[in-house]
Amino acid sequence: MRTLCALVMLVAASTSAMAGAYEKWNSNLMINQLAEICDPTEAGAAQLYCTYYMMGLVDGLVISSIGQAYAPHCVPEGTSSQTVRRAVYERIAAWSASRKPAATGVAAALSAAFPCP
């Protein structure tokens, strides 16, 4: 029973931290803000948010390209979310002074990191 209580408390704490991160970083996220959030020296909710944000964009871009003559990027099947996060972070960190929308930066970074043949 103690193990179950500890697990419930851990999930609640993680969910609470993630919700706070989401509220803080959700509206009008810019490249410079995302670069700060995704900094590998950060831990916890920031890295989760970063990964979920990027993977959501990967999925959204793939879905939006269905039926199109081209794909905006070609992330190889089986590529881990951590690999995507690192590849995108390397590029957006170089653009960390940019005040352009984060989604635009991630899309450009995905195309550069995972070009289609």
PDB file of N, CA and C in Angstrom:
ATOM      1  N   MET A   1       0.818  -1.188   0.000  1.00  0.00           N
ATOM      2  CA  MET A   1       0.000   0.000   0.000  1.00  0.00           C
ATOM      3  C   MET A   1       0.870   1.263   0.000  1.00  0.00           C
ATOM      4  N   ARG A   2       1.984   1.228   0.751  1.00  0.00           N
ATOM      5  CA  ARG A   2       2.879   2.382   0.768  1.00  0.00           C
ATOM      6  C   ARG A   2       3.474   2.633  -0.605  1.00  0.00           C
ATOM      7  N   THR A   3       3.800   1.561  -1.316  1.00  0.00           N
ATOM      8  CA  THR A   3       4.354   1.698  -2.654  1.00  0.00           C
ATOM      9  C   THR A   3       3.352   2.363  -3.579  1.00  0.00           C
ATOM     10  N   LEU A   4       2.090   1.955  -3.483  1.00  0.00           N
ATOM     11  CA  LEU A   4       1.042   2.540  -4.307  1.00  0.00           C
ATOM     12  C   LEU A   4       0.877   4.025  -3.997  1.00  0.00           C
ATOM     13  N   CYS A   5       0.880   4.372  -2.718  1.00  0.00           N
ATOM     14  CA  CYS A   5       0.762   5.784  -2.322  1.00  0.00           C
ATOM     15  C   CYS A   5       1.944   6.595  -2.840  1.00  0.00           C
ATOM     16  N   ALA A   6       3.123   6.043  -2.729  1.00  0.00           N
ATOM     17  CA  ALA A   6       4.317   6.741  -3.217  1.00  0.00           C
ATOM     18  C   ALA A   6       4.238   6.946  -4.726  1.00  0.00           C
ATOM     19  N   LEU A   7       3.771   5.939  -5.440  1.00  0.00           N
ATOM     20  CA  LEU A   7       3.631   6.038  -6.891  1.00  0.00           C
ATOM     21  C   LEU A   7       2.609   7.105  -7.268  1.00  0.00           C
ATOM     22  N   VAL A   8       1.488   7.136  -6.583  1.00  0.00           N
ATOM     23  CA  VAL A   8       0.454   8.138  -6.852  1.00  0.00           C
ATOM     24  C   VAL A   8       1.000   9.544  -6.601  1.00  0.00           C
ATOM     25  N   MET A   9       1.748   9.708  -5.516  1.00  0.00           N
ATOM     26  CA  MET A   9       2.332  11.018  -5.212  1.00  0.00           C
ATOM     27  C   MET A   9       3.351  11.432  -6.261  1.00  0.00           C
ATOM     28  N   LEU A  10       4.137  10.495  -6.752  1.00  0.00           N
ATOM     29  CA  LEU A  10       5.133  10.785  -7.782  1.00  0.00           C
ATOM     30  C   LEU A  10       4.463  11.216  -9.076  1.00  0.00           C
ATOM     31  N   VAL A  11       3.418  10.497  -9.478  1.00  0.00           N
ATOM     32  CA  VAL A  11       2.693  10.850 -10.707  1.00  0.00           C
ATOM     33  C   VAL A  11       2.043  12.217 -10.552  1.00  0.00           C
ATOM     34  N   ALA A  12       1.452  12.477  -9.400  1.00  0.00           N
ATOM     35  CA  ALA A  12       0.807  13.769  -9.163  1.00  0.00           C
ATOM     36  C   ALA A  12       1.820  14.909  -9.232  1.00  0.00           C
ATOM     37  N   ALA A  13       2.980  14.718  -8.640  1.00  0.00           N
ATOM     38  CA  ALA A  13       4.019  15.748  -8.666  1.00  0.00           C
ATOM     39  C   ALA A  13       4.509  15.986 -10.086  1.00  0.00           C
ATOM     40  N   SER A  14       4.712  14.910 -10.842  1.00  0.00           N
ATOM     41  CA  SER A  14       5.177  15.039 -12.229  1.00  0.00           C
ATOM     42  C   SER A  14       4.144  15.756 -13.077  1.00  0.00           C
ATOM     43  N   THR A  15       2.874  15.390 -12.889  1.00  0.00           N
ATOM     44  CA  THR A  15       1.800  16.007 -13.656  1.00  0.00           C
ATOM     45  C   THR A  15       1.685  17.482 -13.321  1.00  0.00           C
ATOM     46  N   SER A  16       1.806  17.809 -12.055  1.00  0.00           N
ATOM     47  CA  SER A  16       1.731  19.200 -11.621  1.00  0.00           C
ATOM     48  C   SER A  16       2.872  20.022 -12.218  1.00  0.00           C
ATOM     49  N   ALA A  17       4.080  19.482 -12.192  1.00  0.00           N
ATOM     50  CA  ALA A  17       5.234  20.181 -12.764  1.00  0.00           C
ATOM     51  C   ALA A  17       5.053  20.379 -14.261  1.00  0.00           C
ATOM     52  N   MET A  18       4.546  19.368 -14.940  1.00  0.00           N
ATOM     53  CA  MET A  18       4.335  19.454 -16.383  1.00  0.00           C
ATOM     54  C   MET A  18       3.260  20.482 -16.703  1.00  0.00           C
ATOM     55  N   ALA A  19       2.190  20.509 -15.908  1.00  0.00           N
ATOM     56  CA  ALA A  19       1.116  21.481 -16.142  1.00  0.00           C
ATOM     57  C   ALA A  19       1.644  22.896 -15.971  1.00  0.00           C
ATOM     58  N   GLY A  20       2.466  23.127 -14.953  1.00  0.00           N
ATOM     59  CA  GLY A  20       3.050  24.448 -14.750  1.00  0.00           C
ATOM     60  C   GLY A  20       3.939  24.849 -15.904  1.00  0.00           C
ATOM     61  N   ALA A  21       4.725  23.922 -16.399  1.00  0.00           N
ATOM     62  CA  ALA A  21       5.596  24.196 -17.540  1.00  0.00           C
ATOM     63  C   ALA A  21       4.761  24.530 -18.763  1.00  0.00           C
ATOM     64  N   TYR A  22       3.698  23.795 -18.975  1.00  0.00           N
ATOM     65  CA  TYR A  22       2.847  24.011 -20.142  1.00  0.00           C
ATOM     66  C   TYR A  22       2.241  25.406 -20.098  1.00  0.00           C
ATOM     67  N   GLU A  23       1.730  25.811 -18.956  1.00  0.00           N
ATOM     68  CA  GLU A  23       1.130  27.138 -18.832  1.00  0.00           C
ATOM     69  C   GLU A  23       2.174  28.224 -19.075  1.00  0.00           C
ATOM     70  N   LYS A  24       3.364  28.035 -18.561  1.00  0.00           N
ATOM     71  CA  LYS A  24       4.415  29.047 -18.673  1.00  0.00           C
ATOM     72  C   LYS A  24       4.892  29.214 -20.107  1.00  0.00           C
ATOM     73  N   TRP A  25       5.007  28.117 -20.841  1.00  0.00           N
ATOM     74  CA  TRP A  25       5.650  28.176 -22.146  1.00  0.00           C
ATOM     75  C   TRP A  25       4.704  28.009 -23.328  1.00  0.00           C
ATOM     76  N   ASN A  26       3.427  27.925 -23.106  1.00  0.00           N
ATOM     77  CA  ASN A  26       2.525  27.561 -24.188  1.00  0.00           C
ATOM     78  C   ASN A  26       2.255  28.678 -25.190  1.00  0.00           C
ATOM     79  N   SER A  27       1.952  29.868 -24.757  1.00  0.00           N
ATOM     80  CA  SER A  27       1.467  30.869 -25.692  1.00  0.00           C
ATOM     81  C   SER A  27       2.597  31.584 -26.429  1.00  0.00           C
ATOM     82  N   ASN A  28       2.454  31.631 -27.728  1.00  0.00           N
ATOM     83  CA  ASN A  28       3.387  32.370 -28.583  1.00  0.00           C
ATOM     84  C   ASN A  28       4.851  32.017 -28.342  1.00  0.00           C
ATOM     85  N   LEU A  29       5.138  30.753 -28.267  1.00  0.00           N
ATOM     86  CA  LEU A  29       6.497  30.285 -28.010  1.00  0.00           C
ATOM     87  C   LEU A  29       7.410  30.675 -29.174  1.00  0.00           C
ATOM     88  N   MET A  30       8.538  31.284 -28.849  1.00  0.00           N
ATOM     89  CA  MET A  30       9.505  31.722 -29.842  1.00  0.00           C
ATOM     90  C   MET A  30      10.737  30.819 -29.807  1.00  0.00           C
ATOM     91  N   ILE A  31      11.535  30.862 -30.889  1.00  0.00           N
ATOM     92  CA  ILE A  31      12.720  30.005 -30.989  1.00  0.00           C
ATOM     93  C   ILE A  31      13.645  30.216 -29.793  1.00  0.00           C
ATOM     94  N   ASN A  32      13.887  31.466 -29.417  1.00  0.00           N
ATOM     95  CA  ASN A  32      14.795  31.717 -28.295  1.00  0.00           C
ATOM     96  C   ASN A  32      14.276  31.089 -27.005  1.00  0.00           C
ATOM     97  N   GLN A  33      12.968  31.097 -26.795  1.00  0.00           N
ATOM     98  CA  GLN A  33      12.397  30.486 -25.595  1.00  0.00           C
ATOM     99  C   GLN A  33      12.524  28.965 -25.645  1.00  0.00           C
ATOM    100  N   LEU A  34      12.249  28.381 -26.807  1.00  0.00           N
ATOM    101  CA  LEU A  34      12.349  26.932 -26.941  1.00  0.00           C
ATOM    102  C   LEU A  34      13.796  26.482 -26.770  1.00  0.00           C
ATOM    103  N   ALA A  35      14.738  27.247 -27.291  1.00  0.00           N
ATOM    104  CA  ALA A  35      16.156  26.897 -27.120  1.00  0.00           C
ATOM    105  C   ALA A  35      16.522  26.883 -25.637  1.00  0.00           C
ATOM    106  N   GLU A  36      15.985  27.818 -24.887  1.00  0.00           N
ATOM    107  CA  GLU A  36      16.249  27.864 -23.445  1.00  0.00           C
ATOM    108  C   GLU A  36      15.612  26.664 -22.732  1.00  0.00           C
ATOM    109  N   ILE A  37      14.390  26.348 -23.087  1.00  0.00           N
ATOM    110  CA  ILE A  37      13.681  25.218 -22.473  1.00  0.00           C
ATOM    111  C   ILE A  37      14.382  23.909 -22.790  1.00  0.00           C
ATOM    112  N   CYS A  38      14.845  23.765 -24.024  1.00  0.00           N
ATOM    113  CA  CYS A  38      15.423  22.500 -24.492  1.00  0.00           C
ATOM    114  C   CYS A  38      16.900  22.349 -24.169  1.00  0.00           C
ATOM    115  N   ASP A  39      17.481  23.321 -23.505  1.00  0.00           N
ATOM    116  CA  ASP A  39      18.891  23.235 -23.128  1.00  0.00           C
ATOM    117  C   ASP A  39      19.137  21.916 -22.396  1.00  0.00           C
ATOM    118  N   PRO A  40      20.087  21.111 -22.874  1.00  0.00           N
ATOM    119  CA  PRO A  40      20.326  19.803 -22.262  1.00  0.00           C
ATOM    120  C   PRO A  40      20.736  19.852 -20.793  1.00  0.00           C
ATOM    121  N   THR A  41      21.160  21.017 -20.310  1.00  0.00           N
ATOM    122  CA  THR A  41      21.513  21.101 -18.895  1.00  0.00           C
ATOM    123  C   THR A  41      20.268  21.209 -18.014  1.00  0.00           C
ATOM    124  N   GLU A  42      19.121  21.496 -18.628  1.00  0.00           N
ATOM    125  CA  GLU A  42      17.856  21.524 -17.897  1.00  0.00           C
ATOM    126  C   GLU A  42      17.373  20.090 -17.713  1.00  0.00           C
ATOM    127  N   ALA A  43      16.561  19.875 -16.725  1.00  0.00           N
ATOM    128  CA  ALA A  43      16.063  18.519 -16.468  1.00  0.00           C
ATOM    129  C   ALA A  43      14.574  18.573 -16.155  1.00  0.00           C
ATOM    130  N   GLY A  44      14.008  17.408 -16.015  1.00  0.00           N
ATOM    131  CA  GLY A  44      12.630  17.296 -15.558  1.00  0.00           C
ATOM    132  C   GLY A  44      11.606  17.767 -16.566  1.00  0.00           C
ATOM    133  N   ALA A  45      10.694  18.623 -16.085  1.00  0.00           N
ATOM    134  CA  ALA A  45       9.561  19.058 -16.895  1.00  0.00           C
ATOM    135  C   ALA A  45      10.003  19.766 -18.170  1.00  0.00           C
ATOM    136  N   ALA A  46      11.097  20.510 -18.123  1.00  0.00           N
ATOM    137  CA  ALA A  46      11.563  21.228 -19.314  1.00  0.00           C
ATOM    138  C   ALA A  46      11.909  20.256 -20.435  1.00  0.00           C
ATOM    139  N   GLN A  47      12.610  19.185 -20.116  1.00  0.00           N
ATOM    140  CA  GLN A  47      12.979  18.216 -21.151  1.00  0.00           C
ATOM    141  C   GLN A  47      11.761  17.454 -21.669  1.00  0.00           C
ATOM    142  N   LEU A  48      10.830  17.147 -20.781  1.00  0.00           N
ATOM    143  CA  LEU A  48       9.595  16.494 -21.224  1.00  0.00           C
ATOM    144  C   LEU A  48       8.824  17.408 -22.168  1.00  0.00           C
ATOM    145  N   TYR A  49       8.674  18.666 -21.769  1.00  0.00           N
ATOM    146  CA  TYR A  49       7.962  19.625 -22.604  1.00  0.00           C
ATOM    147  C   TYR A  49       8.639  19.743 -23.965  1.00  0.00           C
ATOM    148  N   CYS A  50       9.947  19.868 -23.964  1.00  0.00           N
ATOM    149  CA  CYS A  50      10.725  19.998 -25.191  1.00  0.00           C
ATOM    150  C   CYS A  50      10.479  18.806 -26.119  1.00  0.00           C
ATOM    151  N   THR A  51      10.604  17.624 -25.569  1.00  0.00           N
ATOM    152  CA  THR A  51      10.414  16.407 -26.365  1.00  0.00           C
ATOM    153  C   THR A  51       8.990  16.327 -26.913  1.00  0.00           C
ATOM    154  N   TYR A  52       8.005  16.559 -26.063  1.00  0.00           N
ATOM    155  CA  TYR A  52       6.608  16.473 -26.507  1.00  0.00           C
ATOM    156  C   TYR A  52       6.294  17.535 -27.562  1.00  0.00           C
ATOM    157  N   TYR A  53       6.831  18.726 -27.378  1.00  0.00           N
ATOM    158  CA  TYR A  53       6.601  19.801 -28.339  1.00  0.00           C
ATOM    159  C   TYR A  53       7.149  19.411 -29.713  1.00  0.00           C
ATOM    160  N   MET A  54       8.387  18.953 -29.730  1.00  0.00           N
ATOM    161  CA  MET A  54       9.018  18.583 -30.999  1.00  0.00           C
ATOM    162  C   MET A  54       8.336  17.390 -31.656  1.00  0.00           C
ATOM    163  N   MET A  55       8.020  16.363 -30.877  1.00  0.00           N
ATOM    164  CA  MET A  55       7.397  15.179 -31.465  1.00  0.00           C
ATOM    165  C   MET A  55       5.976  15.485 -31.952  1.00  0.00           C
ATOM    166  N   GLY A  56       5.306  16.397 -31.274  1.00  0.00           N
ATOM    167  CA  GLY A  56       3.993  16.829 -31.756  1.00  0.00           C
ATOM    168  C   GLY A  56       4.103  17.516 -33.111  1.00  0.00           C
ATOM    169  N   LEU A  57       5.144  18.329 -33.275  1.00  0.00           N
ATOM    170  CA  LEU A  57       5.358  18.976 -34.570  1.00  0.00           C
ATOM    171  C   LEU A  57       5.738  17.957 -35.643  1.00  0.00           C
ATOM    172  N   VAL A  58       6.565  16.977 -35.288  1.00  0.00           N
ATOM    173  CA  VAL A  58       6.916  15.923 -36.249  1.00  0.00           C
ATOM    174  C   VAL A  58       5.635  15.262 -36.752  1.00  0.00           C
ATOM    175  N   ASP A  59       4.789  14.848 -35.825  1.00  0.00           N
ATOM    176  CA  ASP A  59       3.542  14.177 -36.208  1.00  0.00           C
ATOM    177  C   ASP A  59       2.641  15.092 -37.030  1.00  0.00           C
ATOM    178  N   GLY A  60       2.519  16.349 -36.596  1.00  0.00           N
ATOM    179  CA  GLY A  60       1.670  17.293 -37.319  1.00  0.00           C
ATOM    180  C   GLY A  60       2.155  17.552 -38.740  1.00  0.00           C
ATOM    181  N   LEU A  61       3.460  17.668 -38.900  1.00  0.00           N
ATOM    182  CA  LEU A  61       4.011  17.902 -40.244  1.00  0.00           C
ATOM    183  C   LEU A  61       3.835  16.675 -41.138  1.00  0.00           C
ATOM    184  N   VAL A  62       3.989  15.500 -40.565  1.00  0.00           N
ATOM    185  CA  VAL A  62       3.770  14.278 -41.349  1.00  0.00           C
ATOM    186  C   VAL A  62       2.310  14.194 -41.787  1.00  0.00           C
ATOM    187  N   ILE A  63       1.404  14.427 -40.861  1.00  0.00           N
ATOM    188  CA  ILE A  63      -0.029  14.357 -41.186  1.00  0.00           C
ATOM    189  C   ILE A  63      -0.392  15.406 -42.232  1.00  0.00           C
ATOM    190  N   SER A  64       0.142  16.613 -42.103  1.00  0.00           N
ATOM    191  CA  SER A  64      -0.194  17.667 -43.060  1.00  0.00           C
ATOM    192  C   SER A  64       0.375  17.409 -44.451  1.00  0.00           C
ATOM    193  N   SER A  65       1.379  16.540 -44.552  1.00  0.00           N
ATOM    194  CA  SER A  65       1.969  16.279 -45.868  1.00  0.00           C
ATOM    195  C   SER A  65       1.334  15.076 -46.575  1.00  0.00           C
ATOM    196  N   ILE A  66       0.396  14.406 -45.926  1.00  0.00           N
ATOM    197  CA  ILE A  66      -0.278  13.256 -46.566  1.00  0.00           C
ATOM    198  C   ILE A  66      -1.001  13.757 -47.815  1.00  0.00           C
ATOM    199  N   GLY A  67      -0.750  13.096 -48.912  1.00  0.00           N
ATOM    200  CA  GLY A  67      -1.376  13.466 -50.175  1.00  0.00           C
ATOM    201  C   GLY A  67      -0.649  14.583 -50.912  1.00  0.00           C
ATOM    202  N   GLN A  68       0.403  15.105 -50.330  1.00  0.00           N
ATOM    203  CA  GLN A  68       1.180  16.159 -50.973  1.00  0.00           C
ATOM    204  C   GLN A  68       2.273  15.536 -51.835  1.00  0.00           C
ATOM    205  N   ALA A  69       2.822  16.316 -52.730  1.00  0.00           N
ATOM    206  CA  ALA A  69       3.871  15.824 -53.626  1.00  0.00           C
ATOM    207  C   ALA A  69       5.222  15.732 -52.927  1.00  0.00           C
ATOM    208  N   TYR A  70       5.354  16.333 -51.760  1.00  0.00           N
ATOM    209  CA  TYR A  70       6.634  16.321 -51.050  1.00  0.00           C
ATOM    210  C   TYR A  70       6.380  16.173 -49.557  1.00  0.00           C
ATOM    211  N   ALA A  71       7.421  15.817 -48.849  1.00  0.00           N
ATOM    212  CA  ALA A  71       7.371  15.771 -47.392  1.00  0.00           C
ATOM    213  C   ALA A  71       8.352  16.808 -46.864  1.00  0.00           C
ATOM    214  N   PRO A  72       8.002  17.504 -45.789  1.00  0.00           N
ATOM    215  CA  PRO A  72       8.899  18.546 -45.280  1.00  0.00           C
ATOM    216  C   PRO A  72      10.168  17.999 -44.634  1.00  0.00           C
ATOM    217  N   HIS A  73      10.109  16.774 -44.186  1.00  0.00           N
ATOM    218  CA  HIS A  73      11.273  16.123 -43.573  1.00  0.00           C
ATOM    219  C   HIS A  73      11.049  14.623 -43.628  1.00  0.00           C
ATOM    220  N   CYS A  74      12.110  13.871 -43.443  1.00  0.00           N
ATOM    221  CA  CYS A  74      12.012  12.410 -43.489  1.00  0.00           C
ATOM    222  C   CYS A  74      12.759  11.811 -42.296  1.00  0.00           C
ATOM    223  N   VAL A  75      12.131  11.870 -41.128  1.00  0.00           N
ATOM    224  CA  VAL A  75      12.722  11.252 -39.938  1.00  0.00           C
ATOM    225  C   VAL A  75      12.636   9.744 -40.142  1.00  0.00           C
ATOM    226  N   PRO A  76      13.775   9.052 -40.126  1.00  0.00           N
ATOM    227  CA  PRO A  76      13.745   7.602 -40.359  1.00  0.00           C
ATOM    228  C   PRO A  76      12.894   6.877 -39.317  1.00  0.00           C
ATOM    229  N   GLU A  77      12.176   5.887 -39.771  1.00  0.00           N
ATOM    230  CA  GLU A  77      11.357   5.083 -38.871  1.00  0.00           C
ATOM    231  C   GLU A  77      12.242   4.489 -37.777  1.00  0.00           C
ATOM    232  N   GLY A  78      11.757   4.516 -36.568  1.00  0.00           N
ATOM    233  CA  GLY A  78      12.513   3.969 -35.450  1.00  0.00           C
ATOM    234  C   GLY A  78      13.444   4.967 -34.778  1.00  0.00           C
ATOM    235  N   THR A  79      13.508   6.198 -35.287  1.00  0.00           N
ATOM    236  CA  THR A  79      14.350   7.220 -34.672  1.00  0.00           C
ATOM    237  C   THR A  79      13.738   7.602 -33.327  1.00  0.00           C
ATOM    238  N   SER A  80      14.553   7.613 -32.282  1.00  0.00           N
ATOM    239  CA  SER A  80      14.031   7.920 -30.950  1.00  0.00           C
ATOM    240  C   SER A  80      13.707   9.404 -30.813  1.00  0.00           C
ATOM    241  N   SER A  81      12.806   9.695 -29.888  1.00  0.00           N
ATOM    242  CA  SER A  81      12.454  11.088 -29.633  1.00  0.00           C
ATOM    243  C   SER A  81      13.663  11.865 -29.098  1.00  0.00           C
ATOM    244  N   GLN A  82      14.544  11.189 -28.370  1.00  0.00           N
ATOM    245  CA  GLN A  82      15.746  11.852 -27.862  1.00  0.00           C
ATOM    246  C   GLN A  82      16.672  12.246 -29.011  1.00  0.00           C
ATOM    247  N   THR A  83      16.765  11.406 -30.030  1.00  0.00           N
ATOM    248  CA  THR A  83      17.594  11.715 -31.197  1.00  0.00           C
ATOM    249  C   THR A  83      17.028  12.922 -31.936  1.00  0.00           C
ATOM    250  N   VAL A  84      15.721  12.954 -32.095  1.00  0.00           N
ATOM    251  CA  VAL A  84      15.071  14.100 -32.745  1.00  0.00           C
ATOM    252  C   VAL A  84      15.317  15.353 -31.926  1.00  0.00           C
ATOM    253  N   ARG A  85      15.108  15.269 -30.611  1.00  0.00           N
ATOM    254  CA  ARG A  85      15.292  16.436 -29.744  1.00  0.00           C
ATOM    255  C   ARG A  85      16.721  16.971 -29.842  1.00  0.00           C
ATOM    256  N   ARG A  86      17.713  16.080 -29.789  1.00  0.00           N
ATOM    257  CA  ARG A  86      19.116  16.529 -29.872  1.00  0.00           C
ATOM    258  C   ARG A  86      19.413  17.179 -31.214  1.00  0.00           C
ATOM    259  N   ALA A  87      18.949  16.562 -32.300  1.00  0.00           N
ATOM    260  CA  ALA A  87      19.218  17.094 -33.639  1.00  0.00           C
ATOM    261  C   ALA A  87      18.572  18.467 -33.826  1.00  0.00           C
ATOM    262  N   VAL A  88      17.349  18.612 -33.363  1.00  0.00           N
ATOM    263  CA  VAL A  88      16.663  19.899 -33.501  1.00  0.00           C
ATOM    264  C   VAL A  88      17.306  20.932 -32.577  1.00  0.00           C
ATOM    265  N   TYR A  89      17.626  20.535 -31.351  1.00  0.00           N
ATOM    266  CA  TYR A  89      18.233  21.485 -30.409  1.00  0.00           C
ATOM    267  C   TYR A  89      19.541  22.051 -30.955  1.00  0.00           C
ATOM    268  N   GLU A  90      20.369  21.207 -31.571  1.00  0.00           N
ATOM    269  CA  GLU A  90      21.639  21.687 -32.123  1.00  0.00           C
ATOM    270  C   GLU A  90      21.410  22.838 -33.090  1.00  0.00           C
ATOM    271  N   ARG A  91      20.340  22.755 -33.852  1.00  0.00           N
ATOM    272  CA  ARG A  91      20.070  23.801 -34.838  1.00  0.00           C
ATOM    273  C   ARG A  91      19.404  25.019 -34.209  1.00  0.00           C
ATOM    274  N   ILE A  92      18.403  24.813 -33.353  1.00  0.00           N
ATOM    275  CA  ILE A  92      17.726  25.992 -32.786  1.00  0.00           C
ATOM    276  C   ILE A  92      18.621  26.730 -31.793  1.00  0.00           C
ATOM    277  N   ALA A  93      19.574  26.032 -31.178  1.00  0.00           N
ATOM    278  CA  ALA A  93      20.504  26.709 -30.271  1.00  0.00           C
ATOM    279  C   ALA A  93      21.325  27.747 -31.043  1.00  0.00           C
ATOM    280  N   ALA A  94      21.634  27.438 -32.298  1.00  0.00           N
ATOM    281  CA  ALA A  94      22.384  28.384 -33.136  1.00  0.00           C
ATOM    282  C   ALA A  94      21.527  29.603 -33.494  1.00  0.00           C
ATOM    283  N   TRP A  95      20.225  29.440 -33.426  1.00  0.00           N
ATOM    284  CA  TRP A  95      19.301  30.531 -33.746  1.00  0.00           C
ATOM    285  C   TRP A  95      18.689  31.117 -32.482  1.00  0.00           C
ATOM    286  N   SER A  96      19.331  30.933 -31.347  1.00  0.00           N
ATOM    287  CA  SER A  96      18.715  31.269 -30.059  1.00  0.00           C
ATOM    288  C   SER A  96      18.389  32.754 -29.889  1.00  0.00           C
ATOM    289  N   ALA A  97      18.910  33.604 -30.730  1.00  0.00           N
ATOM    290  CA  ALA A  97      18.564  35.026 -30.648  1.00  0.00           C
ATOM    291  C   ALA A  97      17.291  35.328 -31.443  1.00  0.00           C
ATOM    292  N   SER A  98      16.807  34.356 -32.183  1.00  0.00           N
ATOM    293  CA  SER A  98      15.657  34.580 -33.056  1.00  0.00           C
ATOM    294  C   SER A  98      14.361  34.724 -32.271  1.00  0.00           C
ATOM    295  N   ARG A  99      13.561  35.687 -32.690  1.00  0.00           N
ATOM    296  CA  ARG A  99      12.250  35.891 -32.075  1.00  0.00           C
ATOM    297  C   ARG A  99      11.150  35.423 -33.028  1.00  0.00           C
ATOM    298  N   LYS A 100      11.476  34.461 -33.888  1.00  0.00           N
ATOM    299  CA  LYS A 100      10.481  33.880 -34.785  1.00  0.00           C
ATOM    300  C   LYS A 100       9.746  32.765 -34.040  1.00  0.00           C
ATOM    301  N   PRO A 101       8.568  32.387 -34.526  1.00  0.00           N
ATOM    302  CA  PRO A 101       7.816  31.315 -33.857  1.00  0.00           C
ATOM    303  C   PRO A 101       8.622  30.014 -33.775  1.00  0.00           C
ATOM    304  N   ALA A 102       8.534  29.373 -32.626  1.00  0.00           N
ATOM    305  CA  ALA A 102       9.287  28.141 -32.389  1.00  0.00           C
ATOM    306  C   ALA A 102       8.913  27.060 -33.396  1.00  0.00           C
ATOM    307  N   ALA A 103       7.654  26.963 -33.756  1.00  0.00           N
ATOM    308  CA  ALA A 103       7.225  25.927 -34.700  1.00  0.00           C
ATOM    309  C   ALA A 103       7.949  26.079 -36.036  1.00  0.00           C
ATOM    310  N   THR A 104       8.150  27.313 -36.478  1.00  0.00           N
ATOM    311  CA  THR A 104       8.868  27.573 -37.721  1.00  0.00           C
ATOM    312  C   THR A 104      10.316  27.096 -37.605  1.00  0.00           C
ATOM    313  N   GLY A 105      10.946  27.379 -36.470  1.00  0.00           N
ATOM    314  CA  GLY A 105      12.322  26.955 -36.249  1.00  0.00           C
ATOM    315  C   GLY A 105      12.464  25.449 -36.188  1.00  0.00           C
ATOM    316  N   VAL A 106      11.528  24.788 -35.515  1.00  0.00           N
ATOM    317  CA  VAL A 106      11.584  23.322 -35.417  1.00  0.00           C
ATOM    318  C   VAL A 106      11.378  22.706 -36.795  1.00  0.00           C
ATOM    319  N   ALA A 107      10.434  23.234 -37.576  1.00  0.00           N
ATOM    320  CA  ALA A 107      10.196  22.703 -38.922  1.00  0.00           C
ATOM    321  C   ALA A 107      11.451  22.840 -39.785  1.00  0.00           C
ATOM    322  N   ALA A 108      12.100  24.000 -39.720  1.00  0.00           N
ATOM    323  CA  ALA A 108      13.331  24.215 -40.497  1.00  0.00           C
ATOM    324  C   ALA A 108      14.444  23.289 -40.007  1.00  0.00           C
ATOM    325  N   ALA A 109      14.552  23.121 -38.690  1.00  0.00           N
ATOM    326  CA  ALA A 109      15.585  22.244 -38.124  1.00  0.00           C
ATOM    327  C   ALA A 109      15.340  20.788 -38.506  1.00  0.00           C
ATOM    328  N   LEU A 110      14.074  20.371 -38.516  1.00  0.00           N
ATOM    329  CA  LEU A 110      13.764  18.997 -38.927  1.00  0.00           C
ATOM    330  C   LEU A 110      14.152  18.765 -40.383  1.00  0.00           C
ATOM    331  N   SER A 111      13.838  19.735 -41.233  1.00  0.00           N
ATOM    332  CA  SER A 111      14.193  19.605 -42.662  1.00  0.00           C
ATOM    333  C   SER A 111      15.702  19.533 -42.859  1.00  0.00           C
ATOM    334  N   ALA A 112      16.461  20.298 -42.067  1.00  0.00           N
ATOM    335  CA  ALA A 112      17.914  20.279 -42.177  1.00  0.00           C
ATOM    336  C   ALA A 112      18.510  19.009 -41.593  1.00  0.00           C
ATOM    337  N   ALA A 113      17.952  18.561 -40.478  1.00  0.00           N
ATOM    338  CA  ALA A 113      18.500  17.371 -39.797  1.00  0.00           C
ATOM    339  C   ALA A 113      18.092  16.071 -40.478  1.00  0.00           C
ATOM    340  N   PHE A 114      16.899  16.052 -41.046  1.00  0.00           N
ATOM    341  CA  PHE A 114      16.361  14.825 -41.638  1.00  0.00           C
ATOM    342  C   PHE A 114      15.816  15.109 -43.038  1.00  0.00           C
ATOM    343  N   PRO A 115      16.714  15.483 -43.966  1.00  0.00           N
ATOM    344  CA  PRO A 115      16.239  15.791 -45.327  1.00  0.00           C
ATOM    345  C   PRO A 115      15.701  14.540 -46.031  1.00  0.00           C
ATOM    346  N   CYS A 116      14.786  14.761 -46.919  1.00  0.00           N
ATOM    347  CA  CYS A 116      14.246  13.644 -47.693  1.00  0.00           C
ATOM    348  C   CYS A 116      15.174  13.359 -48.870  1.00  0.00           C
ATOM    349  N   PRO A 117      15.281  12.078 -49.222  1.00  0.00           N
ATOM    350  CA  PRO A 117      16.174  11.719 -50.345  1.00  0.00           C
ATOM    351  C   PRO A 117      15.654  12.267 -51.665  1.00  0.00           C
TER     352      PRO A 117
END
